PDB file of N, CA and C in Angstrom:
ATOM      1  N   UNK A   1    -117.340  37.748  90.332  1.00  0.00           N
ATOM      2  CA  UNK A   1    -118.178  36.577  90.197  1.00  0.00           C
ATOM      3  C   UNK A   1    -118.004  35.683  91.421  1.00  0.00           C
ATOM      4  N   UNK A   2    -116.768  35.355  91.780  1.00  0.00           N
ATOM      5  CA  UNK A   2    -116.527  34.575  92.992  1.00  0.00           C
ATOM      6  C   UNK A   2    -116.019  35.502  94.088  1.00  0.00           C
ATOM      7  N   UNK A   3    -116.859  36.325  94.538  1.00  0.00           N
ATOM      8  CA  UNK A   3    -116.486  37.276  95.582  1.00  0.00           C
ATOM      9  C   UNK A   3    -116.872  36.720  96.940  1.00  0.00           C
ATOM     10  N   UNK A   4    -116.116  35.704  97.373  1.00  0.00           N
ATOM     11  CA  UNK A   4    -116.386  35.113  98.669  1.00  0.00           C
ATOM     12  C   UNK A   4    -115.619  35.874  99.743  1.00  0.00           C
ATOM     13  N   UNK A   5    -116.163  35.848 100.932  1.00  0.00           N
ATOM     14  CA  UNK A   5    -115.438  36.406 102.073  1.00  0.00           C
ATOM     15  C   UNK A   5    -114.460  35.352 102.562  1.00  0.00           C
ATOM     16  N   UNK A   6    -113.476  35.737 103.339  1.00  0.00           N
ATOM     17  CA  UNK A   6    -112.527  34.739 103.855  1.00  0.00           C
ATOM     18  C   UNK A   6    -113.207  33.621 104.650  1.00  0.00           C
ATOM     19  N   UNK A   7    -114.260  33.958 105.361  1.00  0.00           N
ATOM     20  CA  UNK A   7    -114.986  32.923 106.112  1.00  0.00           C
ATOM     21  C   UNK A   7    -115.602  31.891 105.159  1.00  0.00           C
ATOM     22  N   UNK A   8    -116.139  32.370 104.047  1.00  0.00           N
ATOM     23  CA  UNK A   8    -116.752  31.458 103.084  1.00  0.00           C
ATOM     24  C   UNK A   8    -115.691  30.577 102.421  1.00  0.00           C
ATOM     25  N   UNK A   9    -114.511  31.123 102.147  1.00  0.00           N
ATOM     26  CA  UNK A   9    -113.439  30.324 101.581  1.00  0.00           C
ATOM     27  C   UNK A   9    -112.995  29.231 102.559  1.00  0.00           C
ATOM     28  N   UNK A  10    -112.965  29.564 103.841  1.00  0.00           N
ATOM     29  CA  UNK A  10    -112.601  28.560 104.848  1.00  0.00           C
ATOM     30  C   UNK A  10    -113.636  27.443 104.865  1.00  0.00           C
ATOM     31  N   UNK A  11    -114.915  27.813 104.786  1.00  0.00           N
ATOM     32  CA  UNK A  11    -115.976  26.802 104.769  1.00  0.00           C
ATOM     33  C   UNK A  11    -115.860  25.929 103.520  1.00  0.00           C
ATOM     34  N   UNK A  12    -115.608  26.529 102.356  1.00  0.00           N
ATOM     35  CA  UNK A  12    -115.439  25.760 101.122  1.00  0.00           C
ATOM     36  C   UNK A  12    -114.261  24.803 101.260  1.00  0.00           C
ATOM     37  N   UNK A  13    -113.155  25.279 101.812  1.00  0.00           N
ATOM     38  CA  UNK A  13    -111.980  24.430 102.017  1.00  0.00           C
ATOM     39  C   UNK A  13    -112.263  23.284 102.966  1.00  0.00           C
ATOM     40  N   UNK A  14    -112.963  23.554 104.042  1.00  0.00           N
ATOM     41  CA  UNK A  14    -113.289  22.501 105.005  1.00  0.00           C
ATOM     42  C   UNK A  14    -114.237  21.467 104.398  1.00  0.00           C
ATOM     43  N   UNK A  15    -115.194  21.907 103.587  1.00  0.00           N
ATOM     44  CA  UNK A  15    -116.103  20.968 102.931  1.00  0.00           C
ATOM     45  C   UNK A  15    -115.325  20.094 101.950  1.00  0.00           C
ATOM     46  N   UNK A  16    -114.394  20.722 101.206  1.00  0.00           N
ATOM     47  CA  UNK A  16    -113.558  19.949 100.291  1.00  0.00           C
ATOM     48  C   UNK A  16    -112.724  18.930 101.061  1.00  0.00           C
ATOM     49  N   UNK A  17    -112.107  19.350 102.158  1.00  0.00           N
ATOM     50  CA  UNK A  17    -111.289  18.448 102.972  1.00  0.00           C
ATOM     51  C   UNK A  17    -112.134  17.318 103.552  1.00  0.00           C
ATOM     52  N   UNK A  18    -113.322  17.648 104.020  1.00  0.00           N
ATOM     53  CA  UNK A  18    -114.213  16.616 104.558  1.00  0.00           C
ATOM     54  C   UNK A  18    -114.603  15.618 103.473  1.00  0.00           C
ATOM     55  N   UNK A  19    -114.932  16.097 102.295  1.00  0.00           N
ATOM     56  CA  UNK A  19    -115.272  15.205 101.193  1.00  0.00           C
ATOM     57  C   UNK A  19    -114.103  14.317 100.812  1.00  0.00           C
ATOM     58  N   UNK A  20    -112.906  14.886 100.802  1.00  0.00           N
ATOM     59  CA  UNK A  20    -111.712  14.109 100.495  1.00  0.00           C
ATOM     60  C   UNK A  20    -111.478  13.022 101.540  1.00  0.00           C
ATOM     61  N   UNK A  21    -111.598  13.369 102.805  1.00  0.00           N
ATOM     62  CA  UNK A  21    -111.390  12.388 103.872  1.00  0.00           C
ATOM     63  C   UNK A  21    -112.449  11.284 103.845  1.00  0.00           C
ATOM     64  N   UNK A  22    -113.689  11.646 103.591  1.00  0.00           N
ATOM     65  CA  UNK A  22    -114.753  10.640 103.510  1.00  0.00           C
ATOM     66  C   UNK A  22    -114.492   9.714 102.316  1.00  0.00           C
ATOM     67  N   UNK A  23    -114.058  10.278 101.197  1.00  0.00           N
ATOM     68  CA  UNK A  23    -113.740   9.459 100.036  1.00  0.00           C
ATOM     69  C   UNK A  23    -112.603   8.497 100.309  1.00  0.00           C
ATOM     70  N   UNK A  24    -111.553   8.967 100.955  1.00  0.00           N
ATOM     71  CA  UNK A  24    -110.421   8.100 101.297  1.00  0.00           C
ATOM     72  C   UNK A  24    -110.867   7.010 102.260  1.00  0.00           C
ATOM     73  N   UNK A  25    -111.687   7.366 103.218  1.00  0.00           N
ATOM     74  CA  UNK A  25    -112.175   6.375 104.183  1.00  0.00           C
ATOM     75  C   UNK A  25    -113.020   5.305 103.500  1.00  0.00           C
ATOM     76  N   UNK A  26    -113.847   5.698 102.539  1.00  0.00           N
ATOM     77  CA  UNK A  26    -114.713   4.733 101.859  1.00  0.00           C
ATOM     78  C   UNK A  26    -113.930   3.822 100.932  1.00  0.00           C
ATOM     79  N   UNK A  27    -112.839   4.281 100.372  1.00  0.00           N
ATOM     80  CA  UNK A  27    -112.059   3.484  99.420  1.00  0.00           C
ATOM     81  C   UNK A  27    -111.024   2.619 100.133  1.00  0.00           C
ATOM     82  N   UNK A  28    -110.669   2.967 101.353  1.00  0.00           N
ATOM     83  CA  UNK A  28    -109.572   2.281 102.030  1.00  0.00           C
ATOM     84  C   UNK A  28    -109.804   0.785 102.214  1.00  0.00           C
ATOM     85  N   UNK A  29    -111.008   0.347 102.430  1.00  0.00           N
ATOM     86  CA  UNK A  29    -111.271  -1.071 102.642  1.00  0.00           C
ATOM     87  C   UNK A  29    -111.373  -1.878 101.361  1.00  0.00           C
ATOM     88  N   UNK A  30    -111.453  -1.211 100.240  1.00  0.00           N
ATOM     89  CA  UNK A  30    -111.677  -1.940  98.996  1.00  0.00           C
ATOM     90  C   UNK A  30    -110.392  -2.433  98.349  1.00  0.00           C
ATOM     91  N   UNK A  31    -109.239  -2.151  98.938  1.00  0.00           N
ATOM     92  CA  UNK A  31    -107.975  -2.622  98.361  1.00  0.00           C
ATOM     93  C   UNK A  31    -107.955  -4.143  98.346  1.00  0.00           C
ATOM     94  N   UNK A  32    -108.349  -4.747  99.439  1.00  0.00           N
ATOM     95  CA  UNK A  32    -108.385  -6.202  99.503  1.00  0.00           C
ATOM     96  C   UNK A  32    -109.430  -6.765  98.549  1.00  0.00           C
ATOM     97  N   UNK A  33    -110.521  -6.033  98.393  1.00  0.00           N
ATOM     98  CA  UNK A  33    -111.592  -6.526  97.539  1.00  0.00           C
ATOM     99  C   UNK A  33    -111.140  -6.632  96.088  1.00  0.00           C
ATOM    100  N   UNK A  34    -110.531  -5.587  95.556  1.00  0.00           N
ATOM    101  CA  UNK A  34    -110.143  -5.646  94.142  1.00  0.00           C
ATOM    102  C   UNK A  34    -109.011  -6.614  93.930  1.00  0.00           C
ATOM    103  N   UNK A  35    -108.124  -6.751  94.923  1.00  0.00           N
ATOM    104  CA  UNK A  35    -107.044  -7.732  94.780  1.00  0.00           C
ATOM    105  C   UNK A  35    -107.617  -9.146  94.761  1.00  0.00           C
ATOM    106  N   UNK A  36    -108.579  -9.386  95.611  1.00  0.00           N
ATOM    107  CA  UNK A  36    -109.214 -10.711  95.650  1.00  0.00           C
ATOM    108  C   UNK A  36    -109.950 -10.991  94.348  1.00  0.00           C
ATOM    109  N   UNK A  37    -110.683 -10.002  93.836  1.00  0.00           N
ATOM    110  CA  UNK A  37    -111.380 -10.176  92.560  1.00  0.00           C
ATOM    111  C   UNK A  37    -110.380 -10.419  91.431  1.00  0.00           C
ATOM    112  N   UNK A  38    -109.266  -9.705  91.453  1.00  0.00           N
ATOM    113  CA  UNK A  38    -108.243  -9.885  90.412  1.00  0.00           C
ATOM    114  C   UNK A  38    -107.662 -11.294  90.470  1.00  0.00           C
ATOM    115  N   UNK A  39    -107.343 -11.764  91.672  1.00  0.00           N
ATOM    116  CA  UNK A  39    -106.785 -13.111  91.808  1.00  0.00           C
ATOM    117  C   UNK A  39    -107.790 -14.167  91.367  1.00  0.00           C
ATOM    118  N   UNK A  40    -109.052 -13.992  91.719  1.00  0.00           N
ATOM    119  CA  UNK A  40    -110.085 -14.942  91.292  1.00  0.00           C
ATOM    120  C   UNK A  40    -110.234 -14.957  89.777  1.00  0.00           C
ATOM    121  N   UNK A  41    -110.203 -13.778  89.168  1.00  0.00           N
ATOM    122  CA  UNK A  41    -110.316 -13.702  87.714  1.00  0.00           C
ATOM    123  C   UNK A  41    -109.107 -14.340  87.037  1.00  0.00           C
ATOM    124  N   UNK A  42    -107.920 -14.137  87.617  1.00  0.00           N
ATOM    125  CA  UNK A  42    -106.701 -14.728  87.070  1.00  0.00           C
ATOM    126  C   UNK A  42    -106.760 -16.254  87.126  1.00  0.00           C
ATOM    127  N   UNK A  43    -107.184 -16.798  88.258  1.00  0.00           N
ATOM    128  CA  UNK A  43    -107.316 -18.253  88.393  1.00  0.00           C
ATOM    129  C   UNK A  43    -108.355 -18.799  87.420  1.00  0.00           C
ATOM    130  N   UNK A  44    -109.470 -18.084  87.276  1.00  0.00           N
ATOM    131  CA  UNK A  44    -110.527 -18.521  86.356  1.00  0.00           C
ATOM    132  C   UNK A  44    -110.023 -18.523  84.912  1.00  0.00           C
ATOM    133  N   UNK A  45    -109.294 -17.479  84.545  1.00  0.00           N
ATOM    134  CA  UNK A  45    -108.769 -17.396  83.180  1.00  0.00           C
ATOM    135  C   UNK A  45    -107.752 -18.506  82.917  1.00  0.00           C
ATOM    136  N   UNK A  46    -106.881 -18.777  83.891  1.00  0.00           N
ATOM    137  CA  UNK A  46    -105.895 -19.848  83.716  1.00  0.00           C
ATOM    138  C   UNK A  46    -106.576 -21.202  83.570  1.00  0.00           C
ATOM    139  N   UNK A  47    -107.639 -21.430  84.339  1.00  0.00           N
ATOM    140  CA  UNK A  47    -108.382 -22.687  84.226  1.00  0.00           C
ATOM    141  C   UNK A  47    -109.040 -22.800  82.850  1.00  0.00           C
ATOM    142  N   UNK A  48    -109.607 -21.696  82.368  1.00  0.00           N
ATOM    143  CA  UNK A  48    -110.227 -21.725  81.039  1.00  0.00           C
ATOM    144  C   UNK A  48    -109.193 -21.960  79.949  1.00  0.00           C
ATOM    145  N   UNK A  49    -108.025 -21.338  80.071  1.00  0.00           N
ATOM    146  CA  UNK A  49    -106.970 -21.544  79.072  1.00  0.00           C
ATOM    147  C   UNK A  49    -106.469 -22.986  79.078  1.00  0.00           C
ATOM    148  N   UNK A  50    -106.329 -23.585  80.264  1.00  0.00           N
ATOM    149  CA  UNK A  50    -105.895 -24.982  80.343  1.00  0.00           C
ATOM    150  C   UNK A  50    -106.948 -25.898  79.723  1.00  0.00           C
ATOM    151  N   UNK A  51    -108.207 -25.608  79.990  1.00  0.00           N
ATOM    152  CA  UNK A  51    -109.291 -26.403  79.415  1.00  0.00           C
ATOM    153  C   UNK A  51    -109.307 -26.257  77.896  1.00  0.00           C
ATOM    154  N   UNK A  52    -109.076 -25.053  77.415  1.00  0.00           N
ATOM    155  CA  UNK A  52    -109.053 -24.831  75.970  1.00  0.00           C
ATOM    156  C   UNK A  52    -107.886 -25.572  75.322  1.00  0.00           C
ATOM    157  N   UNK A  53    -106.725 -25.570  75.970  1.00  0.00           N
ATOM    158  CA  UNK A  53    -105.572 -26.290  75.407  1.00  0.00           C
ATOM    159  C   UNK A  53    -105.848 -27.783  75.317  1.00  0.00           C
ATOM    160  N   UNK A  54    -106.478 -28.333  76.359  1.00  0.00           N
ATOM    161  CA  UNK A  54    -106.810 -29.753  76.336  1.00  0.00           C
ATOM    162  C   UNK A  54    -107.822 -30.042  75.215  1.00  0.00           C
ATOM    163  N   UNK A  55    -108.800 -29.173  75.088  1.00  0.00           N
ATOM    164  CA  UNK A  55    -109.796 -29.364  74.029  1.00  0.00           C
ATOM    165  C   UNK A  55    -109.165 -29.203  72.658  1.00  0.00           C
ATOM    166  N   UNK A  56    -108.241 -28.265  72.536  1.00  0.00           N
ATOM    167  CA  UNK A  56    -107.587 -28.050  71.247  1.00  0.00           C
ATOM    168  C   UNK A  56    -106.777 -29.278  70.830  1.00  0.00           C
ATOM    169  N   UNK A  57    -106.102 -29.907  71.779  1.00  0.00           N
ATOM    170  CA  UNK A  57    -105.352 -31.117  71.466  1.00  0.00           C
ATOM    171  C   UNK A  57    -106.312 -32.218  70.986  1.00  0.00           C
ATOM    172  N   UNK A  58    -107.456 -32.315  71.642  1.00  0.00           N
ATOM    173  CA  UNK A  58    -108.446 -33.316  71.229  1.00  0.00           C
ATOM    174  C   UNK A  58    -108.990 -32.999  69.840  1.00  0.00           C
ATOM    175  N   UNK A  59    -109.231 -31.710  69.567  1.00  0.00           N
ATOM    176  CA  UNK A  59    -109.733 -31.324  68.241  1.00  0.00           C
ATOM    177  C   UNK A  59    -108.715 -31.652  67.159  1.00  0.00           C
ATOM    178  N   UNK A  60    -107.453 -31.380  67.428  1.00  0.00           N
ATOM    179  CA  UNK A  60    -106.407 -31.672  66.440  1.00  0.00           C
ATOM    180  C   UNK A  60    -106.323 -33.176  66.160  1.00  0.00           C
ATOM    181  N   UNK A  61    -106.454 -33.968  67.229  1.00  0.00           N
ATOM    182  CA  UNK A  61    -106.412 -35.423  67.054  1.00  0.00           C
ATOM    183  C   UNK A  61    -107.598 -35.898  66.215  1.00  0.00           C
ATOM    184  N   UNK A  62    -108.778 -35.354  66.492  1.00  0.00           N
ATOM    185  CA  UNK A  62    -109.955 -35.731  65.703  1.00  0.00           C
ATOM    186  C   UNK A  62    -109.781 -35.339  64.240  1.00  0.00           C
ATOM    187  N   UNK A  63    -109.243 -34.146  64.003  1.00  0.00           N
ATOM    188  CA  UNK A  63    -109.030 -33.704  62.625  1.00  0.00           C
ATOM    189  C   UNK A  63    -108.042 -34.609  61.893  1.00  0.00           C
ATOM    190  N   UNK A  64    -106.975 -34.988  62.580  1.00  0.00           N
ATOM    191  CA  UNK A  64    -106.000 -35.860  61.919  1.00  0.00           C
ATOM    192  C   UNK A  64    -106.600 -37.238  61.650  1.00  0.00           C
ATOM    193  N   UNK A  65    -107.405 -37.765  62.572  1.00  0.00           N
ATOM    194  CA  UNK A  65    -108.068 -39.048  62.344  1.00  0.00           C
ATOM    195  C   UNK A  65    -109.071 -38.952  61.202  1.00  0.00           C
ATOM    196  N   UNK A  66    -109.784 -37.826  61.143  1.00  0.00           N
ATOM    197  CA  UNK A  66    -110.751 -37.632  60.063  1.00  0.00           C
ATOM    198  C   UNK A  66    -110.032 -37.563  58.715  1.00  0.00           C
ATOM    199  N   UNK A  67    -108.912 -36.846  58.677  1.00  0.00           N
ATOM    200  CA  UNK A  67    -108.150 -36.741  57.428  1.00  0.00           C
ATOM    201  C   UNK A  67    -107.593 -38.106  57.021  1.00  0.00           C
ATOM    202  N   UNK A  68    -107.118 -38.885  58.000  1.00  0.00           N
ATOM    203  CA  UNK A  68    -106.600 -40.219  57.694  1.00  0.00           C
ATOM    204  C   UNK A  68    -107.722 -41.119  57.189  1.00  0.00           C
ATOM    205  N   UNK A  69    -108.893 -41.010  57.760  1.00  0.00           N
ATOM    206  CA  UNK A  69    -110.022 -41.823  57.317  1.00  0.00           C
ATOM    207  C   UNK A  69    -110.433 -41.442  55.894  1.00  0.00           C
ATOM    208  N   UNK A  70    -110.413 -40.157  55.575  1.00  0.00           N
ATOM    209  CA  UNK A  70    -110.751 -39.730  54.213  1.00  0.00           C
ATOM    210  C   UNK A  70    -109.723 -40.236  53.209  1.00  0.00           C
ATOM    211  N   UNK A  71    -108.447 -40.196  53.589  1.00  0.00           N
ATOM    212  CA  UNK A  71    -107.414 -40.713  52.690  1.00  0.00           C
ATOM    213  C   UNK A  71    -107.585 -42.209  52.489  1.00  0.00           C
ATOM    214  N   UNK A  72    -107.929 -42.929  53.541  1.00  0.00           N
ATOM    215  CA  UNK A  72    -108.130 -44.377  53.434  1.00  0.00           C
ATOM    216  C   UNK A  72    -109.345 -44.683  52.558  1.00  0.00           C
ATOM    217  N   UNK A  73    -110.398 -43.879  52.679  1.00  0.00           N
ATOM    218  CA  UNK A  73    -111.585 -44.080  51.844  1.00  0.00           C
ATOM    219  C   UNK A  73    -111.260 -43.815  50.382  1.00  0.00           C
ATOM    220  N   UNK A  74    -110.443 -42.833  50.107  1.00  0.00           N
ATOM    221  CA  UNK A  74    -110.092 -42.511  48.725  1.00  0.00           C
ATOM    222  C   UNK A  74    -109.223 -43.601  48.107  1.00  0.00           C
ATOM    223  N   UNK A  75    -108.374 -44.232  48.887  1.00  0.00           N
ATOM    224  CA  UNK A  75    -107.547 -45.323  48.364  1.00  0.00           C
ATOM    225  C   UNK A  75    -108.396 -46.542  48.007  1.00  0.00           C
ATOM    226  N   UNK A  76    -109.426 -46.795  48.832  1.00  0.00           N
ATOM    227  CA  UNK A  76    -110.277 -47.962  48.597  1.00  0.00           C
ATOM    228  C   UNK A  76    -111.255 -47.744  47.442  1.00  0.00           C
ATOM    229  N   UNK A  77    -111.526 -46.498  47.090  1.00  0.00           N
ATOM    230  CA  UNK A  77    -112.495 -46.197  46.036  1.00  0.00           C
ATOM    231  C   UNK A  77    -111.834 -46.362  44.668  1.00  0.00           C
ATOM    232  N   UNK A  78    -112.287 -47.309  43.868  1.00  0.00           N
ATOM    233  CA  UNK A  78    -111.647 -47.515  42.543  1.00  0.00           C
ATOM    234  C   UNK A  78    -111.952 -46.398  41.546  1.00  0.00           C
ATOM    235  N   UNK A  79    -112.991 -45.614  41.787  1.00  0.00           N
ATOM    236  CA  UNK A  79    -113.373 -44.553  40.848  1.00  0.00           C
ATOM    237  C   UNK A  79    -112.396 -43.376  40.941  1.00  0.00           C
ATOM    238  N   UNK A  80    -111.699 -43.265  41.996  1.00  0.00           N
ATOM    239  CA  UNK A  80    -110.796 -42.108  42.160  1.00  0.00           C
ATOM    240  C   UNK A  80    -109.439 -42.388  41.657  1.00  0.00           C
TER     241      UNK A  80
END
């Protein structure tokens, strides 16, 4: 089925080697790119987490004020 001559095997090997070298050459410049994208994503995520923590503290404060207001309303209501 694969009855290649030695010359054909050499050509197949050279094509494989050429494809490998072209692939390595094309990927070699992208190391900086993915590192930069990773760092940008990390900074963005940290900023979002900090913003969420600040918002969460505000939400907790609002909830506690709302609960205190409801308790105060219930104390003032003579029907309860």
